[in-house]
Amino acid sequence: MWSVHRQVIVLFLLLAPVLTPAGSWRATAVGVNWGTSSSHPLPSAKVVSGLLQSNNITSVKLFDADPSVLESLSGSRINVVVGIPNNMLSVLNSSKKAAASWVHDNITRYFPNGGLEGGVRIEYIAVGDEPFLLSYAQQFYPFIVGAAINIQLALVNAKLADKVKIIVPCSSDVYQSNFSLPSTAHFRDDLNTTMFQLLSFLRIHRSPFVIDINPFLSFQQNKNLSIDYFLFQSSAHHLSDGHNRYKNFLDSSIDALVTSLTKAGFGDMEIMIGRIGWPTDGSANSTAGVAQSFMQALVEHLKNKVGTPLRPKRPVVETYIFSLLDEDQRDITTGNYERHLGIFTFDGQAKYIVDLGQGSKKLANAQNVEYLSSRWCVVNNNKDLSNASASAVNACTDADCTALSSGGSCFKLGWPANISYAFNSYYQQHDQGAESCDFDGLGLLTTVDPSIDDCMFALALRTSFSTSLRGLGMLFWCAIVSSFLLFDMVKENFILDAVF
């Protein structure tokens, strides 16, 4: 197998003549992340027509290449980032054939000349999703740059290298700083070699560095910084760093990255924000009101194009809000709020007011949403409830109960109403199956909505889509492309002997 260093050298020699001048950046363009980690996702067609187009959202970032999603975007004229999940990096690094197959199946066929009427306006391929995250240790390090190189080569062969750029979204823990001062920031020491290779690749292909910023997590971790600093409030205490003063967390985060890039020798690289947002549930200070304050101030700040102290009047090239919809199956290792970062609820209803491109109008909601029957599962108060709490805990291991978290919208329900919330969450997740409201006889079906104030007892969406089928599809694709590995490894060793 190639070493990454040898791959970089050979690819640069092969591809340098075909590189085109950098295109014009859509400075300060604001798009949204569209994730599908939901047990009952809103149908893709309703998302595109009801949410994206109706609200004049012109850019969307995906985390995979789901065919139903890409097909729904055909002819929409929405700019698209197609994602490659981390679990595919190894095979794409190991096999050029696998990379070529992926590009053919997920990029080429969706261009106007690929057979799909109207085509999909694919601008970027996101290779991996925060592959350098500290909690992942170094499991993806050996594959990232190699996968990017093989995808780039496949784009060249498909004559799409001048139309689609490669990016690698990075978490903000790729750099470290002292006391949150941007001037002290630098890339983590364990990333030195891999980061240099990645930055070299991005520079030669004129791709931006993509950083994911999590202001809510940083707020939780930095008790010395007020919430006003994160919400762009004029009353916030400014952060002084030498001659520079920072009025908000976003500017200091960007300049920490600028400093890190400069110290690595890539200070001229453009920056894109891959995701940024604020939750509305699942924790203290995660409400629709606070999220609205953050989002409105963020959008206004981006529109002003003021840049940062280190890059005045040079704003980030694009920003993708995280996220479009709530997702009840997102990983909650970082916090229970992770499932409540949507601008819209899981069923496409706007939580607050923010200008995503629709101007002064309110956000348009998804229309004609189909729900399961108006039935909820609650605890039967006429039963012995001594074991009810244990049943609720079991229900929450398989269903989403994050709204019951401290500070969440359902935290104040009290017992046994919180038991009912857990029971109903499980019942809806399992498509209202009769057996899913049993709980050893403690469950009771009702047609009266048990929602209280802001604590909503949800009804699941009626959908034929299956998250398990999507997972099986991904495994099937990986199994197919894995068949290329043995042939490629033998062939590459032969070629390398000739080249070197």
Protein backbone atom coordinates (compact mmCIF):
# COMPACT_ATOMS: atom_id res chain seq x y z
CA MET A 1 0.00 0.00 0.00
CA TRP A 2 1.17 3.54 -0.70
CA SER A 3 2.50 5.66 2.09
CA VAL A 4 0.55 8.90 2.29
CA HIS A 5 3.75 10.90 1.65
CA ARG A 6 4.43 9.09 -1.64
CA GLN A 7 0.80 9.45 -2.69
CA VAL A 8 0.93 13.22 -2.15
CA ILE A 9 4.09 13.59 -4.25
CA VAL A 10 2.82 11.48 -7.14
CA LEU A 11 -0.65 13.02 -7.17
CA PHE A 12 0.69 16.57 -7.14
CA LEU A 13 2.92 15.72 -10.13
CA LEU A 14 0.02 14.11 -11.97
CA LEU A 15 -2.68 16.65 -11.26
CA ALA A 16 -0.91 20.01 -11.08
CA PRO A 17 -1.34 20.69 -14.84
CA VAL A 18 -5.12 20.20 -14.68
CA LEU A 19 -5.78 22.49 -11.75
CA THR A 20 -7.92 25.49 -12.58
CA PRO A 21 -7.83 28.97 -11.05
CA ALA A 22 -9.88 29.35 -7.91
CA GLY A 23 -13.49 30.22 -8.59
CA SER A 24 -15.21 33.20 -7.06
CA TRP A 25 -16.24 32.51 -3.48
CA ARG A 26 -19.81 33.26 -2.42
CA ALA A 27 -18.55 35.36 0.48
CA THR A 28 -20.60 35.03 3.67
CA ALA A 29 -23.10 32.69 2.00
CA VAL A 30 -25.22 30.94 4.63
CA GLY A 31 -26.44 27.39 4.14
CA VAL A 32 -27.70 24.61 6.39
CA ASN A 33 -26.60 21.13 7.41
CA TRP A 34 -29.21 18.50 6.60
CA GLY A 35 -28.69 15.39 8.69
CA THR A 36 -30.87 12.29 8.59
CA SER A 37 -30.12 10.62 11.93
CA SER A 38 -33.83 10.29 12.67
CA SER A 39 -36.01 7.31 13.43
CA HIS A 40 -38.81 8.82 11.32
CA PRO A 41 -37.28 11.44 9.01
CA LEU A 42 -39.34 13.92 7.08
CA PRO A 43 -39.57 12.74 3.44
CA SER A 44 -36.81 14.28 1.35
CA ALA A 45 -39.19 15.83 -1.18
CA LYS A 46 -40.99 17.73 1.59
CA VAL A 47 -37.68 18.98 2.97
CA VAL A 48 -36.53 20.31 -0.41
CA SER A 49 -39.81 21.93 -1.49
CA GLY A 50 -41.29 22.78 1.90
CA LEU A 51 -38.22 23.96 3.79
CA LEU A 52 -35.26 24.65 1.51
CA GLN A 53 -36.91 26.21 -1.53
CA SER A 54 -39.78 27.86 0.34
CA ASN A 55 -37.29 29.63 2.59
CA ASN A 56 -34.87 30.49 -0.22
CA ILE A 57 -32.08 28.39 1.30
CA THR A 58 -29.51 28.12 -1.47
CA SER A 59 -26.86 25.83 0.03
CA VAL A 60 -27.10 22.54 1.90
CA LYS A 61 -24.47 20.28 3.43
CA LEU A 62 -25.10 16.53 3.66
CA PHE A 63 -23.32 13.95 5.78
CA ASP A 64 -23.59 11.14 3.26
CA ALA A 65 -24.80 10.50 -0.29
CA ASP A 66 -28.29 9.17 0.35
CA PRO A 67 -29.83 8.56 -3.12
CA SER A 68 -33.32 9.66 -2.05
CA VAL A 69 -31.93 12.95 -0.75
CA LEU A 70 -29.80 13.63 -3.83
CA GLU A 71 -32.65 12.75 -6.18
CA SER A 72 -34.94 15.14 -4.33
CA LEU A 73 -32.39 17.92 -4.88
CA SER A 74 -32.30 17.37 -8.64
CA GLY A 75 -33.27 20.48 -10.54
CA SER A 76 -33.57 22.55 -7.35
CA ARG A 77 -30.52 24.74 -8.13
CA ILE A 78 -29.47 24.35 -4.50
CA ASN A 79 -25.71 24.16 -3.97
CA VAL A 80 -24.80 20.84 -2.33
CA VAL A 81 -21.99 19.43 -0.22
CA VAL A 82 -22.00 15.62 -0.40
CA GLY A 83 -20.48 13.82 2.58
CA ILE A 84 -18.35 10.71 2.96
CA PRO A 85 -18.77 9.12 6.43
CA ASN A 86 -15.68 8.30 8.47
CA ASN A 87 -16.32 4.57 8.27
CA MET A 88 -15.68 4.70 4.52
CA LEU A 89 -12.30 6.44 4.70
CA SER A 90 -10.27 3.26 5.04
CA VAL A 91 -11.58 1.60 1.88
CA LEU A 92 -11.37 4.83 -0.14
CA ASN A 93 -7.78 5.32 1.00
CA SER A 94 -6.87 1.75 0.07
CA SER A 95 -8.46 1.52 -3.36
CA LYS A 96 -8.56 3.85 -6.35
CA LYS A 97 -11.25 1.62 -7.85
CA ALA A 98 -13.40 2.10 -4.75
CA ALA A 99 -12.94 5.87 -5.00
CA ALA A 100 -13.79 5.83 -8.71
CA SER A 101 -16.87 3.75 -8.01
CA TRP A 102 -17.98 6.11 -5.25
CA VAL A 103 -17.55 9.18 -7.46
CA HIS A 104 -19.44 7.51 -10.31
CA ASP A 105 -22.33 6.38 -8.10
CA ASN A 106 -22.64 9.48 -5.92
CA ILE A 107 -21.34 12.41 -7.97
CA THR A 108 -21.17 11.79 -11.73
CA ARG A 109 -24.63 10.27 -12.07
CA TYR A 110 -26.20 13.32 -10.42
CA PHE A 111 -24.67 15.89 -12.75
CA PRO A 112 -26.94 17.11 -15.59
CA ASN A 113 -25.20 14.84 -18.10
CA GLY A 114 -25.29 11.90 -15.71
CA GLY A 115 -28.81 10.88 -16.59
CA LEU A 116 -30.80 12.62 -13.83
CA GLU A 117 -33.05 15.30 -15.27
CA GLY A 118 -32.02 18.75 -14.06
CA GLY A 119 -29.04 17.40 -12.18
CA VAL A 120 -27.74 18.26 -8.72
CA ARG A 121 -25.50 21.26 -8.22
CA ILE A 122 -22.73 19.49 -6.28
CA GLU A 123 -19.95 21.89 -5.30
CA TYR A 124 -18.02 20.03 -2.62
CA ILE A 125 -17.27 16.55 -1.37
CA ALA A 126 -16.70 16.45 2.39
CA VAL A 127 -14.19 13.65 2.99
CA GLY A 128 -14.94 12.47 6.51
CA ASP A 129 -16.79 14.24 9.29
CA GLU A 130 -14.53 15.65 12.02
CA PRO A 131 -12.07 12.73 11.61
CA PHE A 132 -9.52 14.40 13.93
CA LEU A 133 -11.93 14.61 16.86
CA LEU A 134 -10.03 13.90 20.06
CA SER A 135 -12.51 11.25 21.16
CA TYR A 136 -11.72 9.25 18.00
CA ALA A 137 -8.07 9.03 19.06
CA GLN A 138 -6.03 8.48 15.88
CA GLN A 139 -8.12 5.80 14.20
CA PHE A 140 -8.74 7.84 11.02
CA TYR A 141 -5.33 9.53 10.69
CA PRO A 142 -3.86 6.98 8.25
CA PHE A 143 -6.79 7.26 5.83
CA ILE A 144 -7.88 10.90 5.50
CA VAL A 145 -5.37 12.34 3.05
CA GLY A 146 -5.14 9.13 1.03
CA ALA A 147 -8.93 9.01 0.68
CA ALA A 148 -8.99 12.66 -0.40
CA ILE A 149 -6.27 12.00 -2.98
CA ASN A 150 -8.08 9.01 -4.47
CA ILE A 151 -11.37 10.92 -4.65
CA GLN A 152 -9.55 13.81 -6.35
CA LEU A 153 -8.03 11.44 -8.89
CA ALA A 154 -11.48 9.98 -9.56
CA LEU A 155 -12.85 13.50 -10.13
CA VAL A 156 -10.06 14.20 -12.61
CA ASN A 157 -10.82 11.01 -14.52
CA ALA A 158 -14.52 11.89 -14.51
CA LYS A 159 -13.66 15.39 -15.81
CA LEU A 160 -15.26 16.97 -12.75
CA ALA A 161 -12.17 18.30 -10.97
CA ASP A 162 -12.91 21.84 -12.17
CA LYS A 163 -16.48 21.66 -10.85
CA VAL A 164 -16.21 19.88 -7.48
CA LYS A 165 -13.78 20.67 -4.67
CA ILE A 166 -12.76 18.43 -1.79
CA ILE A 167 -12.99 19.59 1.81
CA VAL A 168 -12.37 17.91 5.17
CA PRO A 169 -14.59 19.25 7.98
CA CYS A 170 -12.54 19.52 11.19
CA SER A 171 -13.71 19.90 14.77
CA SER A 172 -12.47 22.94 16.66
CA ASP A 173 -10.36 20.75 18.93
CA VAL A 174 -7.81 20.41 16.11
CA TYR A 175 -6.20 23.50 17.63
CA GLN A 176 -5.39 24.41 21.21
CA SER A 177 -4.93 27.75 22.94
CA ASN A 178 -4.13 29.16 26.35
CA PHE A 179 -6.92 30.97 28.19
CA SER A 180 -8.95 31.17 24.95
CA LEU A 181 -6.44 33.67 23.49
CA PRO A 182 -6.26 33.36 19.68
CA SER A 183 -2.61 34.42 19.57
CA THR A 184 -1.59 31.32 21.51
CA ALA A 185 -3.42 28.85 19.27
CA HIS A 186 -1.69 26.06 17.37
CA PHE A 187 -2.65 22.75 15.83
CA ARG A 188 -2.39 19.80 18.20
CA ASP A 189 1.04 18.22 18.29
CA ASP A 190 -0.33 14.77 17.43
CA LEU A 191 -1.67 16.21 14.16
CA ASN A 192 1.55 17.79 12.89
CA THR A 193 2.36 15.36 10.06
CA THR A 194 -1.19 14.58 8.95
CA MET A 195 -2.31 18.20 9.17
CA PHE A 196 0.62 19.39 7.06
CA GLN A 197 -0.24 16.82 4.39
CA LEU A 198 -3.90 17.82 4.46
CA LEU A 199 -3.14 21.55 4.29
CA SER A 200 -0.77 20.96 1.37
CA PHE A 201 -3.50 19.07 -0.45
CA LEU A 202 -6.09 21.76 0.22
CA ARG A 203 -3.76 24.55 -0.90
CA ILE A 204 -2.84 23.00 -4.24
CA HIS A 205 -6.51 22.35 -5.00
CA ARG A 206 -7.54 25.76 -3.68
CA SER A 207 -10.04 24.35 -1.22
CA PRO A 208 -10.94 26.14 2.00
CA PHE A 209 -10.18 24.85 5.48
CA VAL A 210 -13.49 23.79 7.02
CA ILE A 211 -13.93 24.27 10.75
CA ASP A 212 -16.91 23.12 12.83
CA ILE A 213 -17.64 25.46 15.73
CA ASN A 214 -19.75 24.44 18.73
CA PRO A 215 -20.43 27.63 20.70
CA PHE A 216 -22.81 25.92 23.13
CA LEU A 217 -20.25 23.31 24.15
CA SER A 218 -17.59 26.00 24.51
CA PHE A 219 -19.99 28.03 26.67
CA GLN A 220 -20.47 25.02 28.93
CA GLN A 221 -16.72 24.44 29.18
CA ASN A 222 -15.61 28.06 29.67
CA LYS A 223 -17.18 29.34 32.86
CA ASN A 224 -15.05 32.50 32.69
CA LEU A 225 -16.86 33.63 29.52
CA SER A 226 -20.40 35.01 29.79
CA ILE A 227 -23.26 33.84 27.63
CA ASP A 228 -23.48 37.37 26.20
CA TYR A 229 -20.05 36.85 24.65
CA PHE A 230 -21.40 33.84 22.76
CA LEU A 231 -24.62 35.62 21.74
CA PHE A 232 -22.87 38.64 20.15
CA GLN A 233 -24.34 40.97 22.78
CA SER A 234 -22.91 44.50 23.01
CA SER A 235 -22.92 44.19 26.79
CA ALA A 236 -20.45 41.28 26.69
CA HIS A 237 -17.06 41.70 28.33
CA HIS A 238 -14.47 41.90 25.57
CA LEU A 239 -11.53 39.52 25.38
CA SER A 240 -8.19 41.32 25.07
CA ASP A 241 -5.35 39.58 23.26
CA GLY A 242 -2.42 41.92 22.79
CA HIS A 243 -3.59 44.77 20.57
CA ASN A 244 -6.68 42.85 19.49
CA ARG A 245 -10.04 42.96 21.24
CA TYR A 246 -12.67 40.32 20.65
CA LYS A 247 -16.34 41.17 21.08
CA ASN A 248 -17.70 37.67 20.47
CA PHE A 249 -16.74 34.01 20.56
CA LEU A 250 -17.02 33.47 16.81
CA ASP A 251 -14.35 36.01 15.91
CA SER A 252 -11.96 34.67 18.52
CA SER A 253 -12.53 31.11 17.25
CA ILE A 254 -11.81 32.09 13.65
CA ASP A 255 -8.67 33.98 14.62
CA ALA A 256 -7.48 31.02 16.69
CA LEU A 257 -7.70 29.00 13.48
CA VAL A 258 -6.01 31.78 11.48
CA THR A 259 -3.14 31.78 13.99
CA SER A 260 -2.86 27.99 13.79
CA LEU A 261 -2.83 28.07 9.99
CA THR A 262 -0.22 30.83 9.98
CA LYS A 263 2.07 28.96 12.36
CA ALA A 264 1.78 25.91 10.08
CA GLY A 265 2.73 27.99 7.03
CA PHE A 266 -0.75 28.27 5.49
CA GLY A 267 -1.92 31.65 6.74
CA ASP A 268 -3.45 32.61 3.39
CA MET A 269 -5.96 29.74 3.30
CA GLU A 270 -9.65 30.59 3.06
CA ILE A 271 -11.92 29.41 5.88
CA MET A 272 -15.38 27.89 5.75
CA ILE A 273 -17.56 27.22 8.80
CA GLY A 274 -18.89 23.70 8.34
CA ARG A 275 -21.36 23.85 11.19
CA ILE A 276 -22.41 26.27 13.88
CA GLY A 277 -25.66 26.53 15.84
CA TRP A 278 -27.40 26.65 19.19
CA PRO A 279 -29.72 24.02 20.71
CA THR A 280 -33.31 24.54 21.83
CA ASP A 281 -33.68 21.70 24.35
CA GLY A 282 -31.85 19.05 26.35
CA SER A 283 -29.89 21.35 28.68
CA ALA A 284 -29.95 24.61 30.58
CA ASN A 285 -29.70 27.71 28.35
CA SER A 286 -30.89 25.66 25.38
CA THR A 287 -34.23 27.23 24.58
CA ALA A 288 -35.84 28.56 21.42
CA GLY A 289 -35.47 32.09 22.77
CA VAL A 290 -31.73 31.82 23.36
CA ALA A 291 -31.25 30.01 20.04
CA GLN A 292 -33.11 32.78 18.23
CA SER A 293 -30.90 35.43 19.84
CA PHE A 294 -27.79 33.54 18.77
CA MET A 295 -28.95 32.78 15.24
CA GLN A 296 -30.23 36.25 14.46
CA ALA A 297 -27.01 37.84 15.73
CA LEU A 298 -24.88 35.29 13.85
CA VAL A 299 -26.62 35.90 10.53
CA GLU A 300 -26.41 39.67 10.98
CA HIS A 301 -22.71 39.43 11.87
CA LEU A 302 -22.02 37.38 8.76
CA LYS A 303 -24.00 39.75 6.53
CA ASN A 304 -21.92 42.70 7.74
CA LYS A 305 -18.77 41.06 6.32
CA VAL A 306 -16.60 42.75 8.94
CA GLY A 307 -14.13 39.90 9.22
CA THR A 308 -12.02 39.53 12.37
CA PRO A 309 -9.15 41.45 14.00
CA LEU A 310 -6.63 39.24 12.16
CA ARG A 311 -8.63 39.28 8.92
CA PRO A 312 -10.50 42.59 8.74
CA LYS A 313 -13.04 42.77 5.91
CA ARG A 314 -12.13 39.24 4.92
CA PRO A 315 -15.02 37.11 6.17
CA VAL A 316 -15.28 33.35 6.03
CA VAL A 317 -16.26 32.22 2.55
CA GLU A 318 -19.32 30.21 3.57
CA THR A 319 -21.15 29.19 6.74
CA TYR A 320 -23.43 26.20 7.27
CA ILE A 321 -25.91 26.38 10.13
CA PHE A 322 -26.27 23.29 12.26
CA SER A 323 -28.81 22.19 11.62
CA LEU A 324 -31.95 22.13 9.52
CA LEU A 325 -33.97 19.59 11.53
CA ASP A 326 -33.89 17.93 14.94
CA GLU A 327 -32.55 14.36 14.82
CA ASP A 328 -33.61 11.93 17.53
CA GLN A 329 -30.86 9.42 16.79
CA ARG A 330 -27.85 11.72 16.86
CA ASP A 331 -25.03 10.64 19.15
CA ILE A 332 -25.30 12.39 22.52
CA THR A 333 -21.79 11.78 23.83
CA THR A 334 -21.17 15.53 23.77
CA GLY A 335 -24.51 16.29 25.43
CA ASN A 336 -28.24 15.63 25.28
CA TYR A 337 -28.70 18.93 23.46
CA GLU A 338 -27.21 17.34 20.30
CA ARG A 339 -30.66 16.09 19.28
CA HIS A 340 -32.20 19.56 19.45
CA LEU A 341 -30.02 21.69 17.20
CA GLY A 342 -32.53 22.03 14.39
CA ILE A 343 -33.98 25.33 13.26
CA PHE A 344 -37.04 23.21 12.57
CA THR A 345 -38.54 20.43 14.66
CA PHE A 346 -38.28 16.87 13.36
CA ASP A 347 -41.57 17.39 11.50
CA GLY A 348 -40.49 20.61 9.81
CA GLN A 349 -42.05 23.28 12.04
CA ALA A 350 -39.97 26.42 12.66
CA LYS A 351 -38.93 26.92 16.27
CA TYR A 352 -38.01 30.60 16.00
CA ILE A 353 -37.48 33.47 13.58
CA VAL A 354 -34.25 33.85 11.61
CA ASP A 355 -33.47 35.03 8.09
CA LEU A 356 -32.12 32.09 6.11
CA GLY A 357 -32.76 33.82 2.80
CA GLN A 358 -36.49 34.42 3.03
CA GLY A 359 -36.00 38.01 4.23
CA SER A 360 -38.51 39.60 6.58
CA LYS A 361 -41.05 36.82 6.17
CA LYS A 362 -41.50 34.13 8.77
CA LEU A 363 -39.94 30.78 8.02
CA ALA A 364 -42.21 28.54 5.99
CA ASN A 365 -43.07 25.23 7.63
CA ALA A 366 -43.32 21.83 5.99
CA GLN A 367 -46.82 21.30 4.61
CA ASN A 368 -49.11 18.27 4.52
CA VAL A 369 -46.98 16.36 7.01
CA GLU A 370 -48.36 12.87 7.62
CA TYR A 371 -48.35 11.62 11.20
CA LEU A 372 -49.25 8.30 12.71
CA SER A 373 -52.66 8.05 14.39
CA SER A 374 -53.45 10.49 17.22
CA ARG A 375 -52.59 8.00 19.93
CA TRP A 376 -50.19 8.37 22.81
CA CYS A 377 -48.89 5.92 25.36
CA VAL A 378 -49.01 7.04 29.00
CA VAL A 379 -48.60 5.39 32.37
CA ASN A 380 -51.71 3.76 33.86
CA ASN A 381 -52.16 5.50 37.21
CA ASN A 382 -54.52 2.76 38.37
CA LYS A 383 -51.68 0.23 38.43
CA ASP A 384 -48.97 -0.44 40.99
CA LEU A 385 -46.23 1.95 39.86
CA SER A 386 -43.45 0.72 42.12
CA ASN A 387 -41.55 -0.60 39.07
CA ALA A 388 -42.56 2.19 36.70
CA SER A 389 -39.27 4.07 36.96
CA ALA A 390 -37.30 0.99 35.94
CA SER A 391 -39.59 0.52 32.93
CA ALA A 392 -39.05 4.16 31.96
CA VAL A 393 -35.28 3.78 32.15
CA ASN A 394 -35.49 0.76 29.86
CA ALA A 395 -37.67 2.71 27.44
CA CYS A 396 -35.20 5.59 27.33
CA THR A 397 -32.29 3.32 26.43
CA ASP A 398 -33.97 2.79 23.06
CA ALA A 399 -35.94 6.03 22.62
CA ASP A 400 -35.19 9.73 22.84
CA CYS A 401 -35.81 11.10 26.32
CA THR A 402 -33.36 14.01 26.16
CA ALA A 403 -36.13 16.57 26.78
CA LEU A 404 -36.31 15.16 30.34
CA SER A 405 -32.72 16.27 31.00
CA SER A 406 -31.96 18.94 33.57
CA GLY A 407 -32.93 22.24 31.99
CA GLY A 408 -34.89 20.48 29.26
CA SER A 409 -38.43 21.33 28.22
CA CYS A 410 -39.88 18.33 30.09
CA PHE A 411 -37.56 18.37 33.10
CA LYS A 412 -40.24 19.82 35.39
CA LEU A 413 -42.89 17.24 34.55
CA GLY A 414 -42.40 15.40 37.78
CA TRP A 415 -43.36 11.82 38.56
CA PRO A 416 -45.26 9.98 37.10
CA ALA A 417 -45.77 12.33 34.13
CA ASN A 418 -42.12 11.84 33.19
CA ILE A 419 -42.80 8.10 33.07
CA SER A 420 -45.54 8.78 30.54
CA TYR A 421 -43.13 10.84 28.44
CA ALA A 422 -40.65 7.95 28.35
CA PHE A 423 -43.38 5.44 27.51
CA ASN A 424 -44.71 7.58 24.66
CA SER A 425 -41.27 8.24 23.23
CA TYR A 426 -40.68 4.49 23.02
CA TYR A 427 -44.18 3.88 21.62
CA GLN A 428 -43.78 6.40 18.81
CA GLN A 429 -40.26 5.24 17.99
CA HIS A 430 -41.68 1.76 17.45
CA ASP A 431 -44.40 2.93 15.05
CA GLN A 432 -47.16 2.75 17.67
CA GLY A 433 -47.01 -1.02 17.76
CA ALA A 434 -49.53 -2.43 20.25
CA GLU A 435 -46.85 -4.35 22.13
CA SER A 436 -44.72 -1.21 22.48
CA CYS A 437 -47.18 0.29 24.99
CA ASP A 438 -47.26 -2.72 27.30
CA PHE A 439 -44.47 -2.14 29.83
CA ASP A 440 -45.63 -5.13 31.89
CA GLY A 441 -49.16 -3.78 31.99
CA LEU A 442 -48.19 -0.26 33.08
CA GLY A 443 -48.85 1.39 29.71
CA LEU A 444 -52.17 2.86 28.65
CA LEU A 445 -53.23 4.19 25.24
CA THR A 446 -55.00 7.53 25.06
CA THR A 447 -56.36 9.77 22.30
CA VAL A 448 -55.99 12.88 24.48
CA ASP A 449 -52.74 14.74 23.83
CA PRO A 450 -50.79 14.67 27.13
CA SER A 451 -48.48 17.56 26.15
CA ILE A 452 -48.03 20.16 28.89
CA ASP A 453 -46.91 23.73 28.14
CA ASP A 454 -43.60 23.51 26.24
CA CYS A 455 -43.23 19.78 26.89
CA MET A 456 -44.49 18.15 23.72
CA PHE A 457 -45.49 14.48 23.58
CA ALA A 458 -44.65 13.84 19.94
CA LEU A 459 -46.49 11.84 17.32
CA ALA A 460 -44.18 9.96 14.96
CA LEU A 461 -44.25 10.66 11.25
CA ARG A 462 -45.86 8.24 8.85
CA THR A 463 -42.99 7.26 6.60
CA SER A 464 -41.84 4.25 4.62
CA PHE A 465 -38.24 5.30 5.13
CA SER A 466 -36.14 3.04 7.34
CA THR A 467 -32.92 4.10 9.01
CA SER A 468 -31.97 0.46 9.27
CA LEU A 469 -32.33 0.07 5.51
CA ARG A 470 -30.07 3.07 5.00
CA GLY A 471 -27.49 1.41 7.21
CA LEU A 472 -27.78 -1.83 5.30
CA GLY A 473 -27.33 0.07 2.05
CA MET A 474 -24.11 1.60 3.34
CA LEU A 475 -22.80 -1.80 4.41
CA PHE A 476 -23.73 -3.22 0.99
CA TRP A 477 -21.80 -0.48 -0.81
CA CYS A 478 -18.76 -0.97 1.43
CA ALA A 479 -18.85 -4.71 0.77
CA ILE A 480 -18.86 -4.13 -2.98
CA VAL A 481 -15.98 -1.66 -3.06
CA SER A 482 -13.97 -3.78 -0.63
CA SER A 483 -13.69 -6.32 -3.43
CA PHE A 484 -11.42 -3.84 -5.21
CA LEU A 485 -8.84 -3.80 -2.42
CA LEU A 486 -6.75 -6.86 -3.16
CA PHE A 487 -6.38 -6.04 -6.85
CA ASP A 488 -5.48 -2.42 -6.15
CA MET A 489 -2.86 -3.28 -3.54
CA VAL A 490 -1.03 -5.59 -5.92
CA LYS A 491 -1.29 -3.14 -8.81
CA GLU A 492 -0.11 -0.13 -6.77
CA ASN A 493 2.98 -1.92 -5.52
CA PHE A 494 3.92 -2.70 -9.12
CA ILE A 495 3.39 0.92 -10.22
CA LEU A 496 5.33 2.34 -7.28
CA ASP A 497 8.34 0.21 -8.11
CA ALA A 498 8.30 1.75 -11.58
CA VAL A 499 7.78 5.35 -10.36
CA PHE A 500 10.38 5.32 -7.64
